[in-house]
Amino acid sequence: MDIKEYIDSRIAAALSRVELKNVKKDGARLTAQTDDSSGDVLDDVPFFQQYGYASRPKEGTEGIAVNLAGSRENQVIISTDSGEFILEQLAAGEVALFHPGSKDYFHFLNNGTITLKTKTLEVEADINLSGKLTAGEIVSKGAVKDSVGSVGAIRDTLNSHTHLTTTPGNPTGPAVPQVIPGA
């Protein structure tokens, strides 16, 4: 074997395209059974994912595995792709985080806009918003307040206010000023 063939064989031995089966949590790490195109099947191959990011691929997902030191016995999975879904509107230079099953996504556009598509968004946090909020409908489970008072207190005052009366059949006079609770 000449040097070129030797180098080619070492490079070929370093990477494998695999199919994942039996994905499971093993302690603090995910592992899977890998099956590559040569028919080699390995059990309990660990996943290495980007720091702060986690996913659990489903059965049949494709992956790229690195065979450390060229040995399939020291294989680790470094990348996965299901091929089920691609965000069609993804332009060059843009980024998306998506769920293949539900097709929910965050889409980071080149113009600085972030688009979120999902059925229900649940947030457990205090939210500080600066800027304009545009919404179709706002439904609150609690009181809505501003610097003057709560919307409920303003509604109570509006519903109970009176006007100076005039002759029956004529318009009423101006409203009698009332104090809004909490103002």
N, C-alpha and C. Protein backbone atom coordinates (compact mmCIF):
# COMPACT_ATOMS: atom_id res chain seq x y z
N MET A 1 0.86 -1.18 0.00
CA MET A 1 0.00 0.00 0.00
C MET A 1 0.90 1.24 0.00
N ASP A 2 0.65 2.14 -0.95
CA ASP A 2 1.46 3.36 -0.99
C ASP A 2 0.92 4.37 0.02
N ILE A 3 1.63 5.47 0.19
CA ILE A 3 1.29 6.47 1.22
C ILE A 3 -0.07 7.10 0.97
N LYS A 4 -0.41 7.35 -0.30
CA LYS A 4 -1.70 7.96 -0.63
C LYS A 4 -2.83 7.01 -0.24
N GLU A 5 -2.74 5.75 -0.57
CA GLU A 5 -3.75 4.77 -0.20
C GLU A 5 -3.87 4.67 1.32
N TYR A 6 -2.74 4.70 2.00
CA TYR A 6 -2.73 4.63 3.46
C TYR A 6 -3.47 5.83 4.06
N ILE A 7 -3.16 7.03 3.56
CA ILE A 7 -3.82 8.24 4.07
C ILE A 7 -5.31 8.20 3.76
N ASP A 8 -5.66 7.81 2.53
CA ASP A 8 -7.08 7.70 2.17
C ASP A 8 -7.81 6.72 3.08
N SER A 9 -7.21 5.60 3.39
CA SER A 9 -7.86 4.61 4.25
C SER A 9 -8.02 5.13 5.68
N ARG A 10 -7.05 5.88 6.17
CA ARG A 10 -7.14 6.46 7.53
C ARG A 10 -8.25 7.51 7.60
N ILE A 11 -8.34 8.34 6.54
CA ILE A 11 -9.42 9.35 6.51
C ILE A 11 -10.77 8.66 6.44
N ALA A 12 -10.89 7.65 5.56
CA ALA A 12 -12.16 6.92 5.44
C ALA A 12 -12.54 6.25 6.76
N ALA A 13 -11.57 5.78 7.51
CA ALA A 13 -11.85 5.10 8.78
C ALA A 13 -12.23 6.08 9.88
N ALA A 14 -11.95 7.35 9.68
CA ALA A 14 -12.19 8.33 10.74
C ALA A 14 -13.66 8.73 10.86
N LEU A 15 -14.41 8.68 9.76
CA LEU A 15 -15.80 9.13 9.77
C LEU A 15 -16.72 8.03 9.27
N SER A 16 -17.93 8.00 9.81
CA SER A 16 -18.94 7.05 9.34
C SER A 16 -20.28 7.76 9.24
N ARG A 17 -21.02 7.45 8.19
CA ARG A 17 -22.41 7.89 8.08
C ARG A 17 -23.23 6.75 8.65
N VAL A 18 -24.06 7.04 9.66
CA VAL A 18 -24.74 5.99 10.41
C VAL A 18 -26.24 6.24 10.49
N GLU A 19 -26.96 5.18 10.79
CA GLU A 19 -28.38 5.29 11.13
C GLU A 19 -28.50 5.00 12.61
N LEU A 20 -29.29 5.83 13.31
CA LEU A 20 -29.42 5.69 14.77
C LEU A 20 -30.62 4.83 15.13
N LYS A 21 -30.40 3.95 16.08
CA LYS A 21 -31.46 3.10 16.62
C LYS A 21 -31.31 3.07 18.13
N ASN A 22 -32.40 2.76 18.82
CA ASN A 22 -32.36 2.59 20.27
C ASN A 22 -31.69 3.77 20.98
N VAL A 23 -32.15 4.99 20.65
CA VAL A 23 -31.63 6.19 21.32
C VAL A 23 -32.15 6.21 22.75
N LYS A 24 -31.24 6.35 23.71
CA LYS A 24 -31.66 6.33 25.12
C LYS A 24 -30.75 7.23 25.96
N LYS A 25 -31.25 7.57 27.14
CA LYS A 25 -30.46 8.36 28.09
C LYS A 25 -29.65 7.37 28.91
N ASP A 26 -28.35 7.61 28.96
CA ASP A 26 -27.45 6.75 29.72
C ASP A 26 -26.67 7.66 30.67
N GLY A 27 -27.18 7.81 31.89
CA GLY A 27 -26.58 8.77 32.83
C GLY A 27 -26.86 10.18 32.35
N ALA A 28 -25.81 10.97 32.19
CA ALA A 28 -25.97 12.37 31.78
C ALA A 28 -25.87 12.54 30.26
N ARG A 29 -25.75 11.45 29.53
CA ARG A 29 -25.53 11.54 28.08
C ARG A 29 -26.50 10.62 27.34
N LEU A 30 -26.83 11.01 26.11
CA LEU A 30 -27.60 10.13 25.24
C LEU A 30 -26.65 9.15 24.55
N THR A 31 -27.16 7.96 24.31
CA THR A 31 -26.41 6.98 23.53
C THR A 31 -27.36 6.39 22.49
N ALA A 32 -26.78 5.76 21.48
CA ALA A 32 -27.59 5.11 20.45
C ALA A 32 -26.85 3.92 19.90
N GLN A 33 -27.61 3.05 19.27
CA GLN A 33 -27.00 1.99 18.47
C GLN A 33 -26.79 2.59 17.09
N THR A 34 -25.60 2.38 16.51
CA THR A 34 -25.33 2.90 15.17
C THR A 34 -25.16 1.75 14.20
N ASP A 35 -25.66 1.99 12.98
CA ASP A 35 -25.57 1.00 11.91
C ASP A 35 -25.04 1.75 10.70
N ASP A 36 -23.84 1.41 10.24
CA ASP A 36 -23.27 2.14 9.10
C ASP A 36 -23.45 1.35 7.81
N SER A 37 -23.06 1.95 6.71
CA SER A 37 -23.29 1.35 5.39
C SER A 37 -22.54 0.02 5.19
N SER A 38 -21.52 -0.23 5.99
CA SER A 38 -20.77 -1.49 5.85
C SER A 38 -21.43 -2.63 6.63
N GLY A 39 -22.48 -2.30 7.39
CA GLY A 39 -23.15 -3.33 8.17
C GLY A 39 -22.65 -3.44 9.59
N ASP A 40 -21.65 -2.62 9.97
CA ASP A 40 -21.16 -2.64 11.36
C ASP A 40 -22.23 -2.03 12.27
N VAL A 41 -22.56 -2.74 13.34
CA VAL A 41 -23.53 -2.25 14.32
C VAL A 41 -22.81 -2.12 15.65
N LEU A 42 -22.90 -0.90 16.23
CA LEU A 42 -22.29 -0.67 17.54
C LEU A 42 -23.36 -0.24 18.53
N ASP A 43 -23.25 -0.69 19.77
CA ASP A 43 -24.20 -0.33 20.82
C ASP A 43 -23.62 0.75 21.72
N ASP A 44 -24.53 1.54 22.31
CA ASP A 44 -24.19 2.54 23.34
C ASP A 44 -23.14 3.54 22.86
N VAL A 45 -23.29 4.03 21.65
CA VAL A 45 -22.39 5.05 21.11
C VAL A 45 -22.84 6.40 21.67
N PRO A 46 -21.96 7.16 22.33
CA PRO A 46 -22.37 8.42 22.95
C PRO A 46 -22.56 9.56 21.93
N PHE A 47 -23.46 10.48 22.29
CA PHE A 47 -23.69 11.71 21.53
C PHE A 47 -22.82 12.81 22.10
N PHE A 48 -22.25 13.62 21.26
CA PHE A 48 -21.61 14.86 21.68
C PHE A 48 -22.35 15.98 20.98
N GLN A 49 -23.03 16.85 21.76
CA GLN A 49 -23.82 17.94 21.20
C GLN A 49 -23.21 19.28 21.62
N GLN A 50 -23.61 20.32 20.92
CA GLN A 50 -23.11 21.66 21.25
C GLN A 50 -23.51 22.03 22.67
N TYR A 51 -22.63 22.71 23.38
CA TYR A 51 -22.89 23.15 24.75
C TYR A 51 -24.17 23.99 24.79
N GLY A 52 -25.05 23.67 25.72
CA GLY A 52 -26.28 24.44 25.88
C GLY A 52 -27.41 24.00 24.96
N TYR A 53 -27.17 23.03 24.12
CA TYR A 53 -28.19 22.56 23.19
C TYR A 53 -28.38 21.07 23.39
N ALA A 54 -29.62 20.63 23.33
CA ALA A 54 -29.87 19.20 23.49
C ALA A 54 -31.02 18.80 22.57
N SER A 55 -30.89 17.63 21.99
CA SER A 55 -31.98 17.05 21.21
C SER A 55 -31.95 15.55 21.43
N ARG A 56 -33.06 14.92 21.16
CA ARG A 56 -33.13 13.46 21.28
C ARG A 56 -33.70 12.94 19.97
N PRO A 57 -32.82 12.56 19.05
CA PRO A 57 -33.28 12.10 17.74
C PRO A 57 -34.14 10.85 17.86
N LYS A 58 -35.08 10.71 16.92
CA LYS A 58 -35.90 9.52 16.95
C LYS A 58 -35.28 8.41 16.10
N GLU A 59 -35.80 7.25 16.28
CA GLU A 59 -35.32 6.06 15.58
C GLU A 59 -35.25 6.30 14.07
N GLY A 60 -34.15 5.90 13.45
CA GLY A 60 -34.01 6.03 12.00
C GLY A 60 -33.33 7.31 11.55
N THR A 61 -33.03 8.21 12.48
CA THR A 61 -32.34 9.45 12.13
C THR A 61 -30.93 9.12 11.63
N GLU A 62 -30.47 9.88 10.65
CA GLU A 62 -29.11 9.70 10.15
C GLU A 62 -28.15 10.52 10.98
N GLY A 63 -26.91 10.07 11.04
CA GLY A 63 -25.91 10.81 11.79
C GLY A 63 -24.53 10.67 11.17
N ILE A 64 -23.66 11.55 11.61
CA ILE A 64 -22.23 11.47 11.28
C ILE A 64 -21.53 11.09 12.57
N ALA A 65 -20.74 10.04 12.50
CA ALA A 65 -20.00 9.58 13.68
C ALA A 65 -18.51 9.67 13.38
N VAL A 66 -17.76 10.08 14.40
CA VAL A 66 -16.30 10.12 14.32
C VAL A 66 -15.77 8.87 14.99
N ASN A 67 -14.90 8.20 14.30
CA ASN A 67 -14.25 7.01 14.86
C ASN A 67 -12.89 7.47 15.39
N LEU A 68 -12.83 7.75 16.67
CA LEU A 68 -11.62 8.29 17.28
C LEU A 68 -10.45 7.35 17.07
N ALA A 69 -9.32 7.90 16.68
CA ALA A 69 -8.10 7.14 16.37
C ALA A 69 -8.35 6.12 15.26
N GLY A 70 -9.39 6.39 14.42
CA GLY A 70 -9.67 5.48 13.31
C GLY A 70 -10.30 4.17 13.73
N SER A 71 -10.75 4.08 14.97
CA SER A 71 -11.30 2.83 15.50
C SER A 71 -12.81 2.94 15.66
N ARG A 72 -13.56 2.05 15.04
CA ARG A 72 -15.02 2.05 15.19
C ARG A 72 -15.43 1.72 16.63
N GLU A 73 -14.55 1.13 17.39
CA GLU A 73 -14.83 0.82 18.79
C GLU A 73 -14.83 2.09 19.65
N ASN A 74 -14.29 3.17 19.13
CA ASN A 74 -14.25 4.46 19.84
C ASN A 74 -15.06 5.49 19.07
N GLN A 75 -16.28 5.13 18.72
CA GLN A 75 -17.13 5.99 17.91
C GLN A 75 -17.93 6.95 18.79
N VAL A 76 -18.10 8.19 18.33
CA VAL A 76 -18.98 9.17 18.97
C VAL A 76 -19.81 9.84 17.88
N ILE A 77 -21.07 10.15 18.20
CA ILE A 77 -21.97 10.80 17.25
C ILE A 77 -21.84 12.30 17.43
N ILE A 78 -21.57 13.01 16.33
CA ILE A 78 -21.36 14.47 16.43
C ILE A 78 -22.41 15.29 15.68
N SER A 79 -23.21 14.65 14.83
CA SER A 79 -24.18 15.39 14.05
C SER A 79 -25.32 14.48 13.64
N THR A 80 -26.54 15.02 13.61
CA THR A 80 -27.70 14.23 13.20
C THR A 80 -28.59 15.06 12.28
N ASP A 81 -29.36 14.36 11.44
CA ASP A 81 -30.31 15.03 10.53
C ASP A 81 -31.39 14.03 10.17
N SER A 82 -32.64 14.46 10.31
CA SER A 82 -33.74 13.54 9.98
C SER A 82 -34.14 13.65 8.52
N GLY A 83 -33.90 14.79 7.89
CA GLY A 83 -34.31 14.97 6.50
C GLY A 83 -35.81 15.11 6.34
N GLU A 84 -36.57 15.20 7.45
CA GLU A 84 -38.03 15.28 7.38
C GLU A 84 -38.53 16.68 7.02
N PHE A 85 -37.80 17.70 7.42
CA PHE A 85 -38.33 19.06 7.32
C PHE A 85 -37.19 20.03 7.11
N ILE A 86 -37.40 20.95 6.19
CA ILE A 86 -36.46 22.05 6.02
C ILE A 86 -37.30 23.32 5.91
N LEU A 87 -36.87 24.37 6.55
CA LEU A 87 -37.57 25.64 6.50
C LEU A 87 -37.34 26.23 5.11
N GLU A 88 -38.35 26.18 4.26
CA GLU A 88 -38.21 26.58 2.85
C GLU A 88 -37.77 28.03 2.70
N GLN A 89 -38.22 28.91 3.60
CA GLN A 89 -37.92 30.33 3.45
C GLN A 89 -36.54 30.72 4.02
N LEU A 90 -35.74 29.75 4.40
CA LEU A 90 -34.42 30.02 4.96
C LEU A 90 -33.49 30.53 3.85
N ALA A 91 -33.07 31.79 3.97
CA ALA A 91 -32.19 32.40 2.97
C ALA A 91 -30.72 32.21 3.39
N ALA A 92 -29.83 32.42 2.45
CA ALA A 92 -28.40 32.31 2.73
C ALA A 92 -28.03 33.20 3.91
N GLY A 93 -27.32 32.65 4.89
CA GLY A 93 -26.89 33.40 6.05
C GLY A 93 -27.87 33.40 7.20
N GLU A 94 -29.07 32.86 7.03
CA GLU A 94 -30.07 32.84 8.10
C GLU A 94 -29.97 31.55 8.90
N VAL A 95 -30.58 31.56 10.09
CA VAL A 95 -30.49 30.44 11.02
C VAL A 95 -31.90 30.11 11.51
N ALA A 96 -32.16 28.84 11.72
CA ALA A 96 -33.45 28.42 12.28
C ALA A 96 -33.24 27.29 13.28
N LEU A 97 -34.08 27.26 14.27
CA LEU A 97 -34.16 26.16 15.22
C LEU A 97 -35.57 25.62 15.07
N PHE A 98 -35.71 24.35 14.72
CA PHE A 98 -37.05 23.85 14.43
C PHE A 98 -37.25 22.45 14.97
N HIS A 99 -38.53 22.09 15.07
CA HIS A 99 -38.92 20.75 15.49
C HIS A 99 -39.52 20.04 14.28
N PRO A 100 -38.89 18.96 13.82
CA PRO A 100 -39.35 18.31 12.59
C PRO A 100 -40.79 17.80 12.66
N GLY A 101 -41.22 17.31 13.82
CA GLY A 101 -42.57 16.74 13.93
C GLY A 101 -43.68 17.78 13.87
N SER A 102 -43.59 18.80 14.69
CA SER A 102 -44.64 19.81 14.76
C SER A 102 -44.44 20.93 13.75
N LYS A 103 -43.26 21.05 13.20
CA LYS A 103 -42.88 22.10 12.26
C LYS A 103 -42.88 23.49 12.92
N ASP A 104 -42.78 23.53 14.25
CA ASP A 104 -42.62 24.79 14.98
C ASP A 104 -41.19 25.26 14.78
N TYR A 105 -40.98 26.58 14.79
CA TYR A 105 -39.62 27.07 14.57
C TYR A 105 -39.39 28.48 15.09
N PHE A 106 -38.12 28.77 15.36
CA PHE A 106 -37.58 30.11 15.51
C PHE A 106 -36.78 30.35 14.23
N HIS A 107 -36.99 31.48 13.59
CA HIS A 107 -36.28 31.81 12.34
C HIS A 107 -35.59 33.16 12.55
N PHE A 108 -34.27 33.16 12.53
CA PHE A 108 -33.47 34.37 12.71
C PHE A 108 -33.14 34.90 11.32
N LEU A 109 -33.78 35.99 10.91
CA LEU A 109 -33.62 36.52 9.56
C LEU A 109 -32.44 37.47 9.48
N ASN A 110 -31.94 37.67 8.28
CA ASN A 110 -30.80 38.57 8.05
C ASN A 110 -31.11 40.02 8.42
N ASN A 111 -32.38 40.43 8.39
CA ASN A 111 -32.73 41.82 8.66
C ASN A 111 -32.90 42.13 10.15
N GLY A 112 -32.59 41.15 11.02
CA GLY A 112 -32.69 41.37 12.47
C GLY A 112 -34.01 40.93 13.06
N THR A 113 -34.94 40.46 12.26
CA THR A 113 -36.23 39.97 12.74
C THR A 113 -36.09 38.52 13.19
N ILE A 114 -36.79 38.17 14.27
CA ILE A 114 -36.88 36.78 14.70
C ILE A 114 -38.35 36.39 14.59
N THR A 115 -38.62 35.33 13.84
CA THR A 115 -39.98 34.84 13.67
C THR A 115 -40.12 33.56 14.49
N LEU A 116 -41.21 33.46 15.22
CA LEU A 116 -41.53 32.26 15.99
C LEU A 116 -42.87 31.75 15.49
N LYS A 117 -42.95 30.47 15.13
CA LYS A 117 -44.21 29.86 14.73
C LYS A 117 -44.45 28.67 15.66
N THR A 118 -45.55 28.73 16.39
CA THR A 118 -45.91 27.63 17.27
C THR A 118 -47.40 27.72 17.57
N LYS A 119 -47.98 26.65 18.06
CA LYS A 119 -49.40 26.65 18.42
C LYS A 119 -49.62 27.38 19.75
N THR A 120 -48.84 27.02 20.76
CA THR A 120 -48.96 27.63 22.09
C THR A 120 -47.56 27.92 22.61
N LEU A 121 -47.35 29.12 23.11
CA LEU A 121 -46.07 29.50 23.70
C LEU A 121 -46.29 29.71 25.18
N GLU A 122 -45.59 28.96 26.00
CA GLU A 122 -45.69 29.12 27.45
C GLU A 122 -44.40 29.73 27.95
N VAL A 123 -44.51 30.83 28.70
CA VAL A 123 -43.35 31.54 29.21
C VAL A 123 -43.49 31.64 30.72
N GLU A 124 -42.46 31.20 31.44
CA GLU A 124 -42.42 31.35 32.89
C GLU A 124 -41.34 32.35 33.21
N ALA A 125 -41.70 33.64 33.23
CA ALA A 125 -40.70 34.68 33.46
C ALA A 125 -41.38 36.02 33.68
N ASP A 126 -40.67 36.92 34.32
CA ASP A 126 -41.06 38.32 34.31
C ASP A 126 -40.58 38.87 32.98
N ILE A 127 -41.42 39.63 32.30
CA ILE A 127 -41.07 40.14 30.98
C ILE A 127 -40.98 41.65 31.03
N ASN A 128 -39.85 42.18 30.62
CA ASN A 128 -39.68 43.63 30.47
C ASN A 128 -39.67 43.91 28.98
N LEU A 129 -40.59 44.73 28.53
CA LEU A 129 -40.74 45.01 27.11
C LEU A 129 -40.55 46.49 26.88
N SER A 130 -39.63 46.83 26.01
CA SER A 130 -39.52 48.22 25.58
C SER A 130 -39.79 48.20 24.08
N GLY A 131 -40.53 49.16 23.62
CA GLY A 131 -40.93 49.15 22.23
C GLY A 131 -42.42 48.96 22.12
N LYS A 132 -42.89 48.77 20.92
CA LYS A 132 -44.31 48.68 20.65
C LYS A 132 -44.75 47.21 20.62
N LEU A 133 -45.89 46.92 21.21
CA LEU A 133 -46.48 45.59 21.18
C LEU A 133 -47.69 45.64 20.27
N THR A 134 -47.71 44.82 19.25
CA THR A 134 -48.87 44.72 18.36
C THR A 134 -49.45 43.34 18.57
N ALA A 135 -50.73 43.29 18.91
CA ALA A 135 -51.36 42.00 19.19
C ALA A 135 -52.76 41.99 18.61
N GLY A 136 -53.22 40.82 18.22
CA GLY A 136 -54.59 40.66 17.73
C GLY A 136 -55.59 40.74 18.86
N GLU A 137 -55.36 40.01 19.91
CA GLU A 137 -56.24 40.00 21.07
C GLU A 137 -55.39 39.68 22.29
N ILE A 138 -55.65 40.39 23.38
CA ILE A 138 -54.92 40.12 24.62
C ILE A 138 -55.92 39.60 25.64
N VAL A 139 -55.64 38.44 26.18
CA VAL A 139 -56.48 37.83 27.20
C VAL A 139 -55.61 37.70 28.44
N SER A 140 -56.10 38.24 29.57
CA SER A 140 -55.32 38.22 30.79
C SER A 140 -56.00 37.33 31.83
N LYS A 141 -55.19 36.57 32.57
CA LYS A 141 -55.71 35.77 33.67
C LYS A 141 -55.67 36.55 34.98
N GLY A 142 -55.07 37.74 34.96
CA GLY A 142 -54.96 38.57 36.15
C GLY A 142 -55.29 40.01 35.82
N ALA A 143 -54.96 40.91 36.73
CA ALA A 143 -55.24 42.33 36.54
C ALA A 143 -54.29 42.94 35.51
N VAL A 144 -54.82 43.86 34.71
CA VAL A 144 -54.01 44.63 33.78
C VAL A 144 -53.87 46.01 34.39
N LYS A 145 -52.61 46.47 34.57
CA LYS A 145 -52.37 47.73 35.28
C LYS A 145 -51.47 48.64 34.45
N ASP A 146 -51.59 49.93 34.70
CA ASP A 146 -50.65 50.90 34.16
C ASP A 146 -50.30 51.88 35.28
N SER A 147 -49.70 53.01 34.95
CA SER A 147 -49.27 53.96 35.98
C SER A 147 -50.43 54.66 36.68
N VAL A 148 -51.64 54.57 36.13
CA VAL A 148 -52.81 55.23 36.73
C VAL A 148 -53.58 54.29 37.65
N GLY A 149 -53.66 53.04 37.29
CA GLY A 149 -54.42 52.08 38.08
C GLY A 149 -54.66 50.83 37.26
N SER A 150 -55.55 50.01 37.77
CA SER A 150 -55.86 48.79 37.04
C SER A 150 -57.01 49.02 36.08
N VAL A 151 -57.05 48.23 35.02
CA VAL A 151 -58.14 48.35 34.06
C VAL A 151 -59.46 48.02 34.76
N GLY A 152 -59.45 47.06 35.69
CA GLY A 152 -60.67 46.71 36.43
C GLY A 152 -61.19 47.89 37.24
N ALA A 153 -60.30 48.62 37.92
CA ALA A 153 -60.73 49.78 38.71
C ALA A 153 -61.26 50.88 37.79
N ILE A 154 -60.61 51.07 36.66
CA ILE A 154 -61.09 52.09 35.71
C ILE A 154 -62.47 51.68 35.18
N ARG A 155 -62.66 50.40 34.86
CA ARG A 155 -63.95 49.91 34.38
C ARG A 155 -65.02 50.11 35.44
N ASP A 156 -64.72 49.79 36.72
CA ASP A 156 -65.69 49.97 37.80
C ASP A 156 -66.10 51.43 37.91
N THR A 157 -65.14 52.33 37.81
CA THR A 157 -65.43 53.76 37.89
C THR A 157 -66.28 54.20 36.71
N LEU A 158 -65.95 53.74 35.54
CA LEU A 158 -66.72 54.10 34.34
C LEU A 158 -68.15 53.59 34.45
N ASN A 159 -68.30 52.35 34.92
CA ASN A 159 -69.65 51.77 35.01
C ASN A 159 -70.49 52.43 36.09
N SER A 160 -69.89 53.00 37.12
CA SER A 160 -70.67 53.58 38.21
C SER A 160 -70.73 55.10 38.18
N HIS A 161 -70.14 55.75 37.19
CA HIS A 161 -70.13 57.22 37.18
C HIS A 161 -71.52 57.78 36.86
N THR A 162 -71.74 59.01 37.23
CA THR A 162 -73.03 59.68 37.00
C THR A 162 -72.79 60.97 36.22
N HIS A 163 -73.88 61.50 35.70
CA HIS A 163 -73.84 62.78 34.98
C HIS A 163 -74.81 63.73 35.66
N LEU A 164 -74.55 65.00 35.50
CA LEU A 164 -75.53 66.00 35.94
C LEU A 164 -76.73 65.85 35.03
N THR A 165 -77.91 65.88 35.61
CA THR A 165 -79.10 65.71 34.79
C THR A 165 -79.57 67.05 34.27
N THR A 166 -80.24 66.98 33.18
CA THR A 166 -80.87 68.16 32.59
C THR A 166 -82.32 67.82 32.35
N THR A 167 -82.97 68.56 31.55
CA THR A 167 -84.38 68.31 31.26
C THR A 167 -84.53 66.95 30.58
N PRO A 168 -85.50 66.15 31.00
CA PRO A 168 -85.69 64.85 30.38
C PRO A 168 -85.75 64.96 28.85
N GLY A 169 -85.08 64.02 28.17
CA GLY A 169 -85.05 64.01 26.73
C GLY A 169 -83.89 64.77 26.12
N ASN A 170 -83.21 65.59 26.94
CA ASN A 170 -82.05 66.33 26.46
C ASN A 170 -80.77 65.59 26.86
N PRO A 171 -79.65 65.89 26.20
CA PRO A 171 -78.39 65.24 26.58
C PRO A 171 -78.04 65.54 28.04
N THR A 172 -77.34 64.61 28.64
CA THR A 172 -76.92 64.82 30.02
C THR A 172 -75.76 65.81 30.06
N GLY A 173 -75.49 66.31 31.22
CA GLY A 173 -74.38 67.22 31.42
C GLY A 173 -73.07 66.46 31.53
N PRO A 174 -71.98 67.15 31.83
CA PRO A 174 -70.69 66.50 31.95
C PRO A 174 -70.67 65.51 33.12
N ALA A 175 -69.76 64.55 33.03
CA ALA A 175 -69.63 63.54 34.08
C ALA A 175 -69.18 64.19 35.38
N VAL A 176 -69.65 63.63 36.48
CA VAL A 176 -69.23 64.08 37.79
C VAL A 176 -67.88 63.42 38.06
N PRO A 177 -66.81 64.20 38.27
CA PRO A 177 -65.49 63.60 38.49
C PRO A 177 -65.49 62.65 39.68
N GLN A 178 -64.83 61.53 39.52
CA GLN A 178 -64.68 60.57 40.61
C GLN A 178 -63.21 60.19 40.72
N VAL A 179 -62.84 59.75 41.89
CA VAL A 179 -61.45 59.32 42.11
C VAL A 179 -61.34 57.86 41.71
N ILE A 180 -60.30 57.55 40.92
CA ILE A 180 -60.04 56.16 40.51
C ILE A 180 -59.21 55.51 41.61
N PRO A 181 -59.70 54.42 42.17
CA PRO A 181 -58.92 53.77 43.23
C PRO A 181 -57.51 53.41 42.73
N GLY A 182 -56.53 53.64 43.54
CA GLY A 182 -55.15 53.33 43.20
C GLY A 182 -54.45 54.45 42.44
N ALA A 183 -55.16 55.53 42.11
CA ALA A 183 -54.53 56.61 41.34
C ALA A 183 -53.87 57.61 42.26
